[in-house]
C-alpha cells in the first residue's frame, strides 16, 4: 500500500512541476515575442515539445526530462521580462 501511495505522491509532484514549468516557459515565450502572431507560433511549438513526452511512464525518466527542461528554461529566460503596471 505504501508503494502505491509513494508512487501517487511522486506522480502528483511531477505533474505540479510540469504544470509550473509550462506556465513559466509560456510567460517567457511571451516576453521574447515582439508580436502576437509570433507568440502563437512559439507557444504552439512549446506545447508540441511538452506533448511529445506526455506518455512517458518511467518515473526516473520523467524526473530527468523535467530537470533538463527546467535547466533549458533557466537559460531561455528573458533578461528584461515584461512586468505589467499592477505587478510590482
Protein backbone atom coordinates (compact mmCIF):
# COMPACT_ATOMS: atom_id res chain seq x y z
CA UNK A 1 0.00 0.00 0.00
CA UNK A 2 2.79 2.44 0.85
CA UNK A 3 4.40 1.77 -2.53
CA UNK A 4 1.23 2.84 -4.29
CA UNK A 5 0.91 5.92 -2.08
CA UNK A 6 4.56 6.82 -2.73
CA UNK A 7 4.08 6.37 -6.45
CA UNK A 8 0.99 8.57 -6.48
CA UNK A 9 2.69 11.25 -4.39
CA UNK A 10 5.71 11.29 -6.69
CA UNK A 11 3.50 11.48 -9.80
CA UNK A 12 1.48 14.33 -8.26
CA UNK A 13 4.69 16.23 -7.56
CA UNK A 14 5.90 15.66 -11.10
CA UNK A 15 2.61 16.85 -12.58
CA UNK A 16 2.80 20.02 -10.50
CA UNK A 17 6.41 20.67 -11.56
CA UNK A 18 5.48 20.19 -15.22
CA UNK A 19 2.47 22.48 -14.89
CA UNK A 20 4.55 25.24 -13.31
CA UNK A 21 7.37 24.73 -15.81
CA UNK A 22 4.96 25.02 -18.75
CA UNK A 23 3.43 28.15 -17.28
CA UNK A 24 6.83 29.81 -16.72
CA UNK A 25 8.02 28.80 -20.19
CA UNK A 26 4.87 30.18 -21.78
CA UNK A 27 5.30 33.52 -19.99
CA UNK A 28 8.95 33.66 -21.07
CA UNK A 29 7.89 32.93 -24.64
CA UNK A 30 5.56 35.93 -24.45
CA UNK A 31 8.46 38.08 -23.22
CA UNK A 32 10.56 37.13 -26.25
CA UNK A 33 7.78 37.57 -28.82
CA UNK A 34 7.59 41.00 -30.41
CA UNK A 35 4.17 40.42 -31.99
CA UNK A 36 1.26 38.18 -31.02
CA UNK A 37 1.37 36.15 -34.23
CA UNK A 38 4.99 35.22 -33.39
CA UNK A 39 3.95 34.31 -29.86
CA UNK A 40 1.20 31.99 -31.10
CA UNK A 41 3.65 30.12 -33.30
CA UNK A 42 6.24 29.83 -30.49
CA UNK A 43 3.58 28.80 -27.99
CA UNK A 44 2.39 26.07 -30.35
CA UNK A 45 5.95 24.75 -30.71
CA UNK A 46 6.37 24.82 -26.93
CA UNK A 47 3.15 22.86 -26.47
CA UNK A 48 4.33 20.28 -29.02
CA UNK A 49 7.55 19.78 -27.02
CA UNK A 50 5.55 19.10 -23.87
CA UNK A 51 3.08 16.83 -25.68
CA UNK A 52 5.92 14.74 -27.15
CA UNK A 53 6.70 13.40 -23.66
CA UNK A 54 3.15 13.12 -22.39
CA UNK A 55 3.01 9.32 -22.41
CA UNK A 56 6.32 8.63 -20.65
CA UNK A 57 5.63 6.29 -17.70
CA UNK A 58 9.06 5.71 -16.12
CA UNK A 59 9.31 7.99 -13.07
CA UNK A 60 13.10 8.31 -13.28
CA UNK A 61 12.93 9.28 -16.96
CA UNK A 62 10.23 11.83 -16.15
CA UNK A 63 12.41 13.35 -13.41
CA UNK A 64 15.34 13.62 -15.82
CA UNK A 65 13.14 15.21 -18.51
CA UNK A 66 11.81 17.75 -16.00
CA UNK A 67 15.30 18.64 -14.79
CA UNK A 68 16.55 19.06 -18.36
CA UNK A 69 13.55 21.23 -19.26
CA UNK A 70 13.99 23.37 -16.13
CA UNK A 71 17.66 23.93 -16.99
CA UNK A 72 16.73 24.85 -20.57
CA UNK A 73 14.04 27.22 -19.29
CA UNK A 74 16.53 28.95 -16.96
CA UNK A 75 18.83 29.54 -19.94
CA UNK A 76 15.91 30.82 -22.03
CA UNK A 77 14.67 33.42 -19.52
CA UNK A 78 14.39 36.93 -20.85
CA UNK A 79 16.91 39.33 -19.27
CA UNK A 80 14.30 42.11 -19.09
CA UNK A 81 10.87 40.47 -18.70
CA UNK A 82 7.65 42.39 -19.14
CA UNK A 83 6.13 43.49 -15.85
CA UNK A 84 2.60 44.76 -16.07
CA UNK A 85 1.50 48.02 -14.44
CA UNK A 86 -0.11 46.19 -11.49
CA UNK A 87 2.78 43.75 -10.91
CA UNK A 88 5.27 45.49 -8.66
